[in-house]
């Protein structure tokens, strides 16, 4: 019989405000921390939890593949819409935006391919 890897289990996402300190966060950029769930090689898919401090932002970037962002706590905006807890934002390949979180937030991010930052 083939060796089948067991699925990775991450619990506590629906009450992330209570469980966020159970994750090993690392600095991604100023004001934003990441907990990497998985990362494929060769520009493949990846997933992570992102924790934004109040006022943190991500500069303009281009999506080279689909991106799914599920807001688990707080809010963030792309300058057009504000996304709050329970909302799923899907960015299509070729789309671009900036992200800001005035009050801070935690999001589950799933990328089909890495983003490309402008400038």
PDB file of N, CA and C in Angstrom:
ATOM      1  N   UNK A   1       0.848  -1.186   0.000  1.00  0.00           N
ATOM      2  CA  UNK A   1       0.000   0.000   0.000  1.00  0.00           C
ATOM      3  C   UNK A   1       0.887   1.240   0.000  1.00  0.00           C
ATOM      4  N   UNK A   2       0.482   2.252  -0.754  1.00  0.00           N
ATOM      5  CA  UNK A   2       1.248   3.495  -0.816  1.00  0.00           C
ATOM      6  C   UNK A   2       1.180   4.234   0.511  1.00  0.00           C
ATOM      7  N   UNK A   3       2.241   4.973   0.800  1.00  0.00           N
ATOM      8  CA  UNK A   3       2.275   5.816   1.992  1.00  0.00           C
ATOM      9  C   UNK A   3       1.491   7.090   1.690  1.00  0.00           C
ATOM     10  N   UNK A   4       0.392   7.292   2.389  1.00  0.00           N
ATOM     11  CA  UNK A   4      -0.455   8.462   2.170  1.00  0.00           C
ATOM     12  C   UNK A   4      -0.241   9.433   3.325  1.00  0.00           C
ATOM     13  N   UNK A   5       0.157  10.666   2.989  1.00  0.00           N
ATOM     14  CA  UNK A   5       0.356  11.682   4.022  1.00  0.00           C
ATOM     15  C   UNK A   5      -0.981  12.047   4.649  1.00  0.00           C
ATOM     16  N   UNK A   6      -0.938  12.285   5.919  1.00  0.00           N
ATOM     17  CA  UNK A   6      -2.129  12.719   6.639  1.00  0.00           C
ATOM     18  C   UNK A   6      -2.366  14.196   6.348  1.00  0.00           C
ATOM     19  N   UNK A   7      -3.603  14.632   6.345  1.00  0.00           N
ATOM     20  CA  UNK A   7      -3.874  16.056   6.083  1.00  0.00           C
ATOM     21  C   UNK A   7      -3.365  16.924   7.226  1.00  0.00           C
ATOM     22  N   UNK A   8      -2.992  18.138   6.892  1.00  0.00           N
ATOM     23  CA  UNK A   8      -2.591  19.110   7.907  1.00  0.00           C
ATOM     24  C   UNK A   8      -3.868  19.683   8.513  1.00  0.00           C
ATOM     25  N   UNK A   9      -3.976  19.670   9.815  1.00  0.00           N
ATOM     26  CA  UNK A   9      -5.163  20.150  10.523  1.00  0.00           C
ATOM     27  C   UNK A   9      -4.817  21.460  11.223  1.00  0.00           C
ATOM     28  N   UNK A  10      -5.623  22.470  10.991  1.00  0.00           N
ATOM     29  CA  UNK A  10      -5.475  23.754  11.680  1.00  0.00           C
ATOM     30  C   UNK A  10      -6.812  24.050  12.320  1.00  0.00           C
ATOM     31  N   UNK A  11      -6.833  24.085  13.633  1.00  0.00           N
ATOM     32  CA  UNK A  11      -8.098  24.334  14.330  1.00  0.00           C
ATOM     33  C   UNK A  11      -8.097  25.725  14.948  1.00  0.00           C
ATOM     34  N   UNK A  12      -9.277  26.176  15.324  1.00  0.00           N
ATOM     35  CA  UNK A  12      -9.411  27.459  16.002  1.00  0.00           C
ATOM     36  C   UNK A  12      -9.547  28.658  15.085  1.00  0.00           C
ATOM     37  N   UNK A  13      -9.723  28.447  13.781  1.00  0.00           N
ATOM     38  CA  UNK A  13      -9.791  29.585  12.865  1.00  0.00           C
ATOM     39  C   UNK A  13     -11.064  30.413  13.041  1.00  0.00           C
ATOM     40  N   UNK A  14     -12.159  29.789  13.427  1.00  0.00           N
ATOM     41  CA  UNK A  14     -13.411  30.537  13.553  1.00  0.00           C
ATOM     42  C   UNK A  14     -13.469  31.376  14.830  1.00  0.00           C
ATOM     43  N   UNK A  15     -12.562  31.123  15.755  1.00  0.00           N
ATOM     44  CA  UNK A  15     -12.430  31.983  16.935  1.00  0.00           C
ATOM     45  C   UNK A  15     -10.972  32.415  17.070  1.00  0.00           C
ATOM     46  N   UNK A  16     -10.433  32.931  15.975  1.00  0.00           N
ATOM     47  CA  UNK A  16      -9.021  33.275  15.861  1.00  0.00           C
ATOM     48  C   UNK A  16      -8.571  34.296  16.908  1.00  0.00           C
ATOM     49  N   UNK A  17      -9.478  35.154  17.361  1.00  0.00           N
ATOM     50  CA  UNK A  17      -9.089  36.129  18.386  1.00  0.00           C
ATOM     51  C   UNK A  17      -8.625  35.419  19.656  1.00  0.00           C
ATOM     52  N   UNK A  18      -9.170  34.241  19.930  1.00  0.00           N
ATOM     53  CA  UNK A  18      -8.807  33.475  21.122  1.00  0.00           C
ATOM     54  C   UNK A  18      -7.628  32.540  20.887  1.00  0.00           C
ATOM     55  N   UNK A  19      -7.390  32.135  19.645  1.00  0.00           N
ATOM     56  CA  UNK A  19      -6.359  31.131  19.363  1.00  0.00           C
ATOM     57  C   UNK A  19      -5.128  31.689  18.654  1.00  0.00           C
ATOM     58  N   UNK A  20      -5.112  32.981  18.314  1.00  0.00           N
ATOM     59  CA  UNK A  20      -4.034  33.517  17.488  1.00  0.00           C
ATOM     60  C   UNK A  20      -2.657  33.371  18.123  1.00  0.00           C
ATOM     61  N   UNK A  21      -2.582  33.318  19.443  1.00  0.00           N
ATOM     62  CA  UNK A  21      -1.275  33.180  20.084  1.00  0.00           C
ATOM     63  C   UNK A  21      -0.751  31.753  20.053  1.00  0.00           C
ATOM     64  N   UNK A  22      -1.519  30.814  19.535  1.00  0.00           N
ATOM     65  CA  UNK A  22      -1.072  29.432  19.393  1.00  0.00           C
ATOM     66  C   UNK A  22      -0.226  29.245  18.129  1.00  0.00           C
ATOM     67  N   UNK A  23      -0.271  30.227  17.233  1.00  0.00           N
ATOM     68  CA  UNK A  23       0.463  30.139  15.979  1.00  0.00           C
ATOM     69  C   UNK A  23       1.825  30.801  16.111  1.00  0.00           C
ATOM     70  N   UNK A  24       2.815  30.273  15.394  1.00  0.00           N
ATOM     71  CA  UNK A  24       4.157  30.859  15.394  1.00  0.00           C
ATOM     72  C   UNK A  24       4.224  31.894  14.269  1.00  0.00           C
ATOM     73  N   UNK A  25       3.972  33.150  14.613  1.00  0.00           N
ATOM     74  CA  UNK A  25       3.952  34.237  13.641  1.00  0.00           C
ATOM     75  C   UNK A  25       5.371  34.699  13.348  1.00  0.00           C
ATOM     76  N   UNK A  26       5.618  35.068  12.096  1.00  0.00           N
ATOM     77  CA  UNK A  26       6.894  35.637  11.675  1.00  0.00           C
ATOM     78  C   UNK A  26       6.625  36.938  10.942  1.00  0.00           C
ATOM     79  N   UNK A  27       7.571  37.869  11.025  1.00  0.00           N
ATOM     80  CA  UNK A  27       7.385  39.149  10.338  1.00  0.00           C
ATOM     81  C   UNK A  27       7.442  38.943   8.826  1.00  0.00           C
ATOM     82  N   UNK A  28       6.443  39.468   8.135  1.00  0.00           N
ATOM     83  CA  UNK A  28       6.398  39.425   6.673  1.00  0.00           C
ATOM     84  C   UNK A  28       6.873  40.754   6.104  1.00  0.00           C
ATOM     85  N   UNK A  29       6.312  41.828   6.627  1.00  0.00           N
ATOM     86  CA  UNK A  29       6.695  43.195   6.276  1.00  0.00           C
ATOM     87  C   UNK A  29       6.248  44.060   7.445  1.00  0.00           C
ATOM     88  N   UNK A  30       6.608  45.306   7.443  1.00  0.00           N
ATOM     89  CA  UNK A  30       6.276  46.167   8.572  1.00  0.00           C
ATOM     90  C   UNK A  30       4.777  46.137   8.859  1.00  0.00           C
ATOM     91  N   UNK A  31       4.417  45.742  10.086  1.00  0.00           N
ATOM     92  CA  UNK A  31       3.028  45.731  10.519  1.00  0.00           C
ATOM     93  C   UNK A  31       2.237  44.496  10.128  1.00  0.00           C
ATOM     94  N   UNK A  32       2.872  43.553   9.412  1.00  0.00           N
ATOM     95  CA  UNK A  32       2.167  42.348   8.977  1.00  0.00           C
ATOM     96  C   UNK A  32       2.992  41.123   9.340  1.00  0.00           C
ATOM     97  N   UNK A  33       2.331  40.178  10.005  1.00  0.00           N
ATOM     98  CA  UNK A  33       2.958  38.917  10.372  1.00  0.00           C
ATOM     99  C   UNK A  33       2.300  37.782   9.597  1.00  0.00           C
ATOM    100  N   UNK A  34       3.041  36.690   9.427  1.00  0.00           N
ATOM    101  CA  UNK A  34       2.560  35.550   8.645  1.00  0.00           C
ATOM    102  C   UNK A  34       2.757  34.260   9.424  1.00  0.00           C
ATOM    103  N   UNK A  35       1.797  33.373   9.284  1.00  0.00           N
ATOM    104  CA  UNK A  35       1.943  31.985   9.706  1.00  0.00           C
ATOM    105  C   UNK A  35       1.763  31.165   8.431  1.00  0.00           C
ATOM    106  N   UNK A  36       2.862  30.611   7.937  1.00  0.00           N
ATOM    107  CA  UNK A  36       2.841  29.870   6.670  1.00  0.00           C
ATOM    108  C   UNK A  36       2.208  28.504   6.887  1.00  0.00           C
ATOM    109  N   UNK A  37       1.136  28.212   6.147  1.00  0.00           N
ATOM    110  CA  UNK A  37       0.476  26.915   6.228  1.00  0.00           C
ATOM    111  C   UNK A  37       1.169  25.936   5.287  1.00  0.00           C
ATOM    112  N   UNK A  38       1.363  26.343   4.043  1.00  0.00           N
ATOM    113  CA  UNK A  38       2.165  25.566   3.099  1.00  0.00           C
ATOM    114  C   UNK A  38       2.657  26.496   2.007  1.00  0.00           C
ATOM    115  N   UNK A  39       3.738  26.106   1.383  1.00  0.00           N
ATOM    116  CA  UNK A  39       4.282  26.869   0.263  1.00  0.00           C
ATOM    117  C   UNK A  39       4.882  25.890  -0.724  1.00  0.00           C
ATOM    118  N   UNK A  40       4.397  25.893  -1.932  1.00  0.00           N
ATOM    119  CA  UNK A  40       4.938  25.038  -2.979  1.00  0.00           C
ATOM    120  C   UNK A  40       6.165  25.717  -3.583  1.00  0.00           C
ATOM    121  N   UNK A  41       6.970  24.929  -4.231  1.00  0.00           N
ATOM    122  CA  UNK A  41       8.141  25.482  -4.913  1.00  0.00           C
ATOM    123  C   UNK A  41       7.761  25.868  -6.333  1.00  0.00           C
ATOM    124  N   UNK A  42       8.685  26.503  -7.022  1.00  0.00           N
ATOM    125  CA  UNK A  42       8.496  26.886  -8.429  1.00  0.00           C
ATOM    126  C   UNK A  42       7.271  27.768  -8.652  1.00  0.00           C
ATOM    127  N   UNK A  43       7.067  28.744  -7.792  1.00  0.00           N
ATOM    128  CA  UNK A  43       5.979  29.711  -7.951  1.00  0.00           C
ATOM    129  C   UNK A  43       4.602  29.061  -7.944  1.00  0.00           C
ATOM    130  N   UNK A  44       4.456  27.976  -7.227  1.00  0.00           N
ATOM    131  CA  UNK A  44       3.175  27.293  -7.140  1.00  0.00           C
ATOM    132  C   UNK A  44       2.305  27.854  -6.033  1.00  0.00           C
ATOM    133  N   UNK A  45       1.283  27.109  -5.665  1.00  0.00           N
ATOM    134  CA  UNK A  45       0.319  27.591  -4.681  1.00  0.00           C
ATOM    135  C   UNK A  45       0.899  27.662  -3.274  1.00  0.00           C
ATOM    136  N   UNK A  46       0.283  28.506  -2.455  1.00  0.00           N
ATOM    137  CA  UNK A  46       0.659  28.619  -1.051  1.00  0.00           C
ATOM    138  C   UNK A  46      -0.537  29.113  -0.255  1.00  0.00           C
ATOM    139  N   UNK A  47      -0.449  28.932   1.042  1.00  0.00           N
ATOM    140  CA  UNK A  47      -1.508  29.388   1.945  1.00  0.00           C
ATOM    141  C   UNK A  47      -0.875  29.852   3.242  1.00  0.00           C
ATOM    142  N   UNK A  48      -1.512  30.849   3.859  1.00  0.00           N
ATOM    143  CA  UNK A  48      -0.974  31.395   5.107  1.00  0.00           C
ATOM    144  C   UNK A  48      -2.062  32.153   5.855  1.00  0.00           C
ATOM    145  N   UNK A  49      -1.825  32.339   7.132  1.00  0.00           N
ATOM    146  CA  UNK A  49      -2.591  33.297   7.920  1.00  0.00           C
ATOM    147  C   UNK A  49      -1.788  34.586   7.931  1.00  0.00           C
ATOM    148  N   UNK A  50      -2.463  35.711   7.766  1.00  0.00           N
ATOM    149  CA  UNK A  50      -1.821  37.021   7.794  1.00  0.00           C
ATOM    150  C   UNK A  50      -2.435  37.826   8.923  1.00  0.00           C
ATOM    151  N   UNK A  51      -1.583  38.415   9.761  1.00  0.00           N
ATOM    152  CA  UNK A  51      -2.060  39.241  10.875  1.00  0.00           C
ATOM    153  C   UNK A  51      -1.550  40.665  10.671  1.00  0.00           C
ATOM    154  N   UNK A  52      -2.497  41.573  10.423  1.00  0.00           N
ATOM    155  CA  UNK A  52      -2.194  42.984  10.184  1.00  0.00           C
ATOM    156  C   UNK A  52      -2.338  43.769  11.484  1.00  0.00           C
ATOM    157  N   UNK A  53      -1.350  44.568  11.824  1.00  0.00           N
ATOM    158  CA  UNK A  53      -1.484  45.528  12.912  1.00  0.00           C
ATOM    159  C   UNK A  53      -2.319  46.696  12.418  1.00  0.00           C
ATOM    160  N   UNK A  54      -2.874  47.464  13.336  1.00  0.00           N
ATOM    161  CA  UNK A  54      -3.664  48.641  12.962  1.00  0.00           C
ATOM    162  C   UNK A  54      -2.816  49.566  12.087  1.00  0.00           C
ATOM    163  N   UNK A  55      -3.369  49.949  10.943  1.00  0.00           N
ATOM    164  CA  UNK A  55      -2.697  50.860  10.023  1.00  0.00           C
ATOM    165  C   UNK A  55      -1.766  50.195   9.022  1.00  0.00           C
ATOM    166  N   UNK A  56      -1.587  48.882   9.103  1.00  0.00           N
ATOM    167  CA  UNK A  56      -0.677  48.182   8.187  1.00  0.00           C
ATOM    168  C   UNK A  56      -1.252  48.154   6.772  1.00  0.00           C
ATOM    169  N   UNK A  57      -0.357  48.082   5.796  1.00  0.00           N
ATOM    170  CA  UNK A  57      -0.815  48.057   4.405  1.00  0.00           C
ATOM    171  C   UNK A  57       0.129  47.236   3.537  1.00  0.00           C
ATOM    172  N   UNK A  58      -0.403  46.813   2.404  1.00  0.00           N
ATOM    173  CA  UNK A  58       0.356  46.100   1.376  1.00  0.00           C
ATOM    174  C   UNK A  58       0.311  46.985   0.137  1.00  0.00           C
ATOM    175  N   UNK A  59       1.476  47.282  -0.463  1.00  0.00           N
ATOM    176  CA  UNK A  59       1.474  48.170  -1.632  1.00  0.00           C
ATOM    177  C   UNK A  59       0.822  47.521  -2.848  1.00  0.00           C
ATOM    178  N   UNK A  60       0.655  48.316  -3.879  1.00  0.00           N
ATOM    179  CA  UNK A  60       0.062  47.858  -5.126  1.00  0.00           C
ATOM    180  C   UNK A  60       0.778  46.596  -5.615  1.00  0.00           C
ATOM    181  N   UNK A  61      -0.027  45.586  -5.949  1.00  0.00           N
ATOM    182  CA  UNK A  61       0.525  44.327  -6.449  1.00  0.00           C
ATOM    183  C   UNK A  61      -0.402  43.712  -7.484  1.00  0.00           C
ATOM    184  N   UNK A  62       0.189  42.923  -8.366  1.00  0.00           N
ATOM    185  CA  UNK A  62      -0.506  42.254  -9.461  1.00  0.00           C
ATOM    186  C   UNK A  62      -0.658  40.779  -9.118  1.00  0.00           C
ATOM    187  N   UNK A  63      -1.843  40.250  -9.350  1.00  0.00           N
ATOM    188  CA  UNK A  63      -2.104  38.827  -9.121  1.00  0.00           C
ATOM    189  C   UNK A  63      -1.779  38.036 -10.380  1.00  0.00           C
ATOM    190  N   UNK A  64      -0.856  37.076 -10.244  1.00  0.00           N
ATOM    191  CA  UNK A  64      -0.468  36.232 -11.371  1.00  0.00           C
ATOM    192  C   UNK A  64      -1.299  34.946 -11.411  1.00  0.00           C
ATOM    193  N   UNK A  65      -2.070  34.719 -10.370  1.00  0.00           N
ATOM    194  CA  UNK A  65      -2.989  33.589 -10.272  1.00  0.00           C
ATOM    195  C   UNK A  65      -4.127  34.002  -9.362  1.00  0.00           C
ATOM    196  N   UNK A  66      -5.061  33.119  -9.139  1.00  0.00           N
ATOM    197  CA  UNK A  66      -6.169  33.434  -8.231  1.00  0.00           C
ATOM    198  C   UNK A  66      -5.651  33.614  -6.807  1.00  0.00           C
ATOM    199  N   UNK A  67      -6.296  34.517  -6.075  1.00  0.00           N
ATOM    200  CA  UNK A  67      -6.018  34.721  -4.651  1.00  0.00           C
ATOM    201  C   UNK A  67      -7.356  34.695  -3.928  1.00  0.00           C
ATOM    202  N   UNK A  68      -7.422  33.934  -2.850  1.00  0.00           N
ATOM    203  CA  UNK A  68      -8.620  33.865  -2.011  1.00  0.00           C
ATOM    204  C   UNK A  68      -8.244  34.389  -0.628  1.00  0.00           C
ATOM    205  N   UNK A  69      -8.961  35.402  -0.164  1.00  0.00           N
ATOM    206  CA  UNK A  69      -8.726  35.984   1.161  1.00  0.00           C
ATOM    207  C   UNK A  69     -10.015  35.874   1.963  1.00  0.00           C
ATOM    208  N   UNK A  70      -9.960  35.148   3.074  1.00  0.00           N
ATOM    209  CA  UNK A  70     -11.089  35.022   3.991  1.00  0.00           C
ATOM    210  C   UNK A  70     -10.751  35.802   5.249  1.00  0.00           C
ATOM    211  N   UNK A  71     -11.545  36.819   5.551  1.00  0.00           N
ATOM    212  CA  UNK A  71     -11.305  37.625   6.740  1.00  0.00           C
ATOM    213  C   UNK A  71     -11.822  36.866   7.964  1.00  0.00           C
ATOM    214  N   UNK A  72     -10.916  36.613   8.904  1.00  0.00           N
ATOM    215  CA  UNK A  72     -11.256  35.863  10.114  1.00  0.00           C
ATOM    216  C   UNK A  72     -11.534  36.781  11.302  1.00  0.00           C
ATOM    217  N   UNK A  73     -10.954  37.972  11.291  1.00  0.00           N
ATOM    218  CA  UNK A  73     -11.155  38.958  12.362  1.00  0.00           C
ATOM    219  C   UNK A  73     -10.786  40.328  11.819  1.00  0.00           C
ATOM    220  N   UNK A  74     -11.467  41.367  12.298  1.00  0.00           N
ATOM    221  CA  UNK A  74     -11.162  42.726  11.886  1.00  0.00           C
ATOM    222  C   UNK A  74     -11.654  43.044  10.486  1.00  0.00           C
ATOM    223  N   UNK A  75     -11.040  44.073   9.877  1.00  0.00           N
ATOM    224  CA  UNK A  75     -11.422  44.504   8.531  1.00  0.00           C
ATOM    225  C   UNK A  75     -10.192  44.922   7.738  1.00  0.00           C
ATOM    226  N   UNK A  76     -10.340  44.878   6.424  1.00  0.00           N
ATOM    227  CA  UNK A  76      -9.338  45.432   5.517  1.00  0.00           C
ATOM    228  C   UNK A  76     -10.065  46.008   4.317  1.00  0.00           C
ATOM    229  N   UNK A  77      -9.383  46.895   3.601  1.00  0.00           N
ATOM    230  CA  UNK A  77      -9.972  47.517   2.430  1.00  0.00           C
ATOM    231  C   UNK A  77      -8.980  47.483   1.271  1.00  0.00           C
ATOM    232  N   UNK A  78      -9.528  47.448   0.061  1.00  0.00           N
ATOM    233  CA  UNK A  78      -8.698  47.539  -1.137  1.00  0.00           C
ATOM    234  C   UNK A  78      -8.847  48.908  -1.788  1.00  0.00           C
ATOM    235  N   UNK A  79      -9.436  49.862  -1.051  1.00  0.00           N
ATOM    236  CA  UNK A  79      -9.654  51.198  -1.580  1.00  0.00           C
ATOM    237  C   UNK A  79     -10.996  51.343  -2.270  1.00  0.00           C
ATOM    238  N   UNK A  80     -11.648  50.234  -2.563  1.00  0.00           N
ATOM    239  CA  UNK A  80     -12.968  50.245  -3.191  1.00  0.00           C
ATOM    240  C   UNK A  80     -14.003  49.681  -2.224  1.00  0.00           C
ATOM    241  N   UNK A  81     -13.698  48.522  -1.660  1.00  0.00           N
ATOM    242  CA  UNK A  81     -14.609  47.840  -0.735  1.00  0.00           C
ATOM    243  C   UNK A  81     -13.916  47.567   0.591  1.00  0.00           C
ATOM    244  N   UNK A  82     -14.715  47.481   1.640  1.00  0.00           N
ATOM    245  CA  UNK A  82     -14.200  47.060   2.939  1.00  0.00           C
ATOM    246  C   UNK A  82     -14.667  45.635   3.186  1.00  0.00           C
ATOM    247  N   UNK A  83     -13.743  44.790   3.645  1.00  0.00           N
ATOM    248  CA  UNK A  83     -14.018  43.384   3.885  1.00  0.00           C
ATOM    249  C   UNK A  83     -13.919  43.121   5.376  1.00  0.00           C
ATOM    250  N   UNK A  84     -14.948  42.476   5.927  1.00  0.00           N
ATOM    251  CA  UNK A  84     -14.992  42.221   7.364  1.00  0.00           C
ATOM    252  C   UNK A  84     -15.114  40.721   7.632  1.00  0.00           C
ATOM    253  N   UNK A  85     -15.092  40.372   8.907  1.00  0.00           N
ATOM    254  CA  UNK A  85     -15.112  38.979   9.347  1.00  0.00           C
ATOM    255  C   UNK A  85     -16.177  38.179   8.596  1.00  0.00           C
ATOM    256  N   UNK A  86     -15.748  37.048   8.044  1.00  0.00           N
ATOM    257  CA  UNK A  86     -16.650  36.159   7.326  1.00  0.00           C
ATOM    258  C   UNK A  86     -16.735  36.421   5.837  1.00  0.00           C
ATOM    259  N   UNK A  87     -16.136  37.512   5.356  1.00  0.00           N
ATOM    260  CA  UNK A  87     -16.188  37.821   3.917  1.00  0.00           C
ATOM    261  C   UNK A  87     -15.018  37.168   3.195  1.00  0.00           C
ATOM    262  N   UNK A  88     -15.299  36.664   1.995  1.00  0.00           N
ATOM    263  CA  UNK A  88     -14.297  36.050   1.132  1.00  0.00           C
ATOM    264  C   UNK A  88     -14.090  36.942  -0.079  1.00  0.00           C
ATOM    265  N   UNK A  89     -12.846  37.350  -0.296  1.00  0.00           N
ATOM    266  CA  UNK A  89     -12.490  38.164  -1.457  1.00  0.00           C
ATOM    267  C   UNK A  89     -11.689  37.274  -2.415  1.00  0.00           C
ATOM    268  N   UNK A  90     -12.105  37.209  -3.659  1.00  0.00           N
ATOM    269  CA  UNK A  90     -11.397  36.419  -4.669  1.00  0.00           C
ATOM    270  C   UNK A  90     -10.883  37.385  -5.731  1.00  0.00           C
ATOM    271  N   UNK A  91      -9.556  37.430  -5.859  1.00  0.00           N
ATOM    272  CA  UNK A  91      -8.923  38.271  -6.881  1.00  0.00           C
ATOM    273  C   UNK A  91      -8.496  37.377  -8.031  1.00  0.00           C
ATOM    274  N   UNK A  92      -8.873  37.762  -9.252  1.00  0.00           N
ATOM    275  CA  UNK A  92      -8.562  36.973 -10.435  1.00  0.00           C
ATOM    276  C   UNK A  92      -7.177  37.312 -10.978  1.00  0.00           C
ATOM    277  N   UNK A  93      -6.586  36.385 -11.736  1.00  0.00           N
ATOM    278  CA  UNK A  93      -5.303  36.686 -12.379  1.00  0.00           C
ATOM    279  C   UNK A  93      -5.412  37.952 -13.225  1.00  0.00           C
ATOM    280  N   UNK A  94      -4.394  38.796 -13.136  1.00  0.00           N
ATOM    281  CA  UNK A  94      -4.379  40.046 -13.879  1.00  0.00           C
ATOM    282  C   UNK A  94      -4.932  41.225 -13.112  1.00  0.00           C
ATOM    283  N   UNK A  95      -5.609  40.971 -11.995  1.00  0.00           N
ATOM    284  CA  UNK A  95      -6.133  42.078 -11.189  1.00  0.00           C
ATOM    285  C   UNK A  95      -5.032  42.620 -10.282  1.00  0.00           C
ATOM    286  N   UNK A  96      -5.220  43.850  -9.832  1.00  0.00           N
ATOM    287  CA  UNK A  96      -4.252  44.454  -8.914  1.00  0.00           C
ATOM    288  C   UNK A  96      -4.965  45.371  -7.943  1.00  0.00           C
ATOM    289  N   UNK A  97      -4.346  45.541  -6.775  1.00  0.00           N
ATOM    290  CA  UNK A  97      -4.904  46.419  -5.747  1.00  0.00           C
ATOM    291  C   UNK A  97      -3.876  46.661  -4.645  1.00  0.00           C
ATOM    292  N   UNK A  98      -4.214  47.579  -3.769  1.00  0.00           N
ATOM    293  CA  UNK A  98      -3.492  47.825  -2.515  1.00  0.00           C
ATOM    294  C   UNK A  98      -4.406  47.339  -1.400  1.00  0.00           C
ATOM    295  N   UNK A  99      -3.847  46.967  -0.272  1.00  0.00           N
ATOM    296  CA  UNK A  99      -4.640  46.549   0.882  1.00  0.00           C
ATOM    297  C   UNK A  99      -4.212  47.363   2.091  1.00  0.00           C
ATOM    298  N   UNK A 100      -5.201  47.834   2.850  1.00  0.00           N
ATOM    299  CA  UNK A 100      -4.953  48.556   4.096  1.00  0.00           C
ATOM    300  C   UNK A 100      -5.892  48.020   5.161  1.00  0.00           C
ATOM    301  N   UNK A 101      -5.389  47.944   6.380  1.00  0.00           N
ATOM    302  CA  UNK A 101      -6.231  47.560   7.507  1.00  0.00           C
ATOM    303  C   UNK A 101      -6.075  48.610   8.599  1.00  0.00           C
ATOM    304  N   UNK A 102      -7.030  49.524   8.650  1.00  0.00           N
ATOM    305  CA  UNK A 102      -6.953  50.628   9.622  1.00  0.00           C
ATOM    306  C   UNK A 102      -7.002  50.141  11.067  1.00  0.00           C
ATOM    307  N   UNK A 103      -7.859  49.172  11.368  1.00  0.00           N
ATOM    308  CA  UNK A 103      -8.018  48.695  12.743  1.00  0.00           C
ATOM    309  C   UNK A 103      -7.249  47.404  13.003  1.00  0.00           C
ATOM    310  N   UNK A 104      -6.679  46.793  11.961  1.00  0.00           N
ATOM    311  CA  UNK A 104      -6.016  45.504  12.090  1.00  0.00           C
ATOM    312  C   UNK A 104      -6.963  44.382  11.699  1.00  0.00           C
ATOM    313  N   UNK A 105      -6.400  43.255  11.306  1.00  0.00           N
ATOM    314  CA  UNK A 105      -7.224  42.099  10.936  1.00  0.00           C
ATOM    315  C   UNK A 105      -6.363  40.848  10.885  1.00  0.00           C
ATOM    316  N   UNK A 106      -7.051  39.722  10.802  1.00  0.00           N
ATOM    317  CA  UNK A 106      -6.409  38.436  10.540  1.00  0.00           C
ATOM    318  C   UNK A 106      -7.151  37.815   9.372  1.00  0.00           C
ATOM    319  N   UNK A 107      -6.396  37.314   8.400  1.00  0.00           N
ATOM    320  CA  UNK A 107      -6.998  36.746   7.199  1.00  0.00           C
ATOM    321  C   UNK A 107      -6.325  35.432   6.840  1.00  0.00           C
ATOM    322  N   UNK A 108      -7.108  34.532   6.264  1.00  0.00           N
ATOM    323  CA  UNK A 108      -6.585  33.325   5.648  1.00  0.00           C
ATOM    324  C   UNK A 108      -6.380  33.655   4.178  1.00  0.00           C
ATOM    325  N   UNK A 109      -5.163  33.486   3.685  1.00  0.00           N
ATOM    326  CA  UNK A 109      -4.834  33.788   2.295  1.00  0.00           C
ATOM    327  C   UNK A 109      -4.403  32.520   1.586  1.00  0.00           C
ATOM    328  N   UNK A 110      -4.989  32.277   0.419  1.00  0.00           N
ATOM    329  CA  UNK A 110      -4.621  31.131  -0.411  1.00  0.00           C
ATOM    330  C   UNK A 110      -4.305  31.664  -1.800  1.00  0.00           C
ATOM    331  N   UNK A 111      -3.060  31.453  -2.233  1.00  0.00           N
ATOM    332  CA  UNK A 111      -2.595  31.961  -3.521  1.00  0.00           C
ATOM    333  C   UNK A 111      -2.343  30.818  -4.480  1.00  0.00           C
ATOM    334  N   UNK A 112      -2.813  30.969  -5.713  1.00  0.00           N
ATOM    335  CA  UNK A 112      -2.513  30.008  -6.768  1.00  0.00           C
ATOM    336  C   UNK A 112      -1.073  30.191  -7.237  1.00  0.00           C
ATOM    337  N   UNK A 113      -0.617  31.454  -7.230  1.00  0.00           N
ATOM    338  CA  UNK A 113       0.729  31.813  -7.648  1.00  0.00           C
ATOM    339  C   UNK A 113       1.120  33.093  -6.907  1.00  0.00           C
ATOM    340  N   UNK A 114       2.403  33.362  -6.783  1.00  0.00           N
ATOM    341  CA  UNK A 114       2.841  34.563  -6.055  1.00  0.00           C
ATOM    342  C   UNK A 114       2.349  35.853  -6.740  1.00  0.00           C
ATOM    343  N   UNK A 115       2.225  36.899  -5.942  1.00  0.00           N
ATOM    344  CA  UNK A 115       1.895  38.211  -6.493  1.00  0.00           C
ATOM    345  C   UNK A 115       3.179  38.907  -6.903  1.00  0.00           C
ATOM    346  N   UNK A 116       3.039  39.920  -7.783  1.00  0.00           N
ATOM    347  CA  UNK A 116       4.178  40.737  -8.201  1.00  0.00           C
ATOM    348  C   UNK A 116       3.931  42.158  -7.737  1.00  0.00           C
ATOM    349  N   UNK A 117       4.869  42.702  -6.980  1.00  0.00           N
ATOM    350  CA  UNK A 117       4.724  44.061  -6.472  1.00  0.00           C
ATOM    351  C   UNK A 117       5.160  45.069  -7.511  1.00  0.00           C
ATOM    352  N   UNK A 118       4.428  46.175  -7.602  1.00  0.00           N
ATOM    353  CA  UNK A 118       4.739  47.255  -8.527  1.00  0.00           C
ATOM    354  C   UNK A 118       5.842  48.106  -7.928  1.00  0.00           C
ATOM    355  N   UNK A 119       6.773  48.523  -8.764  1.00  0.00           N
ATOM    356  CA  UNK A 119       7.840  49.411  -8.335  1.00  0.00           C
ATOM    357  C   UNK A 119       8.779  48.778  -7.464  1.00  0.00           C
TER     358      UNK A 119
END
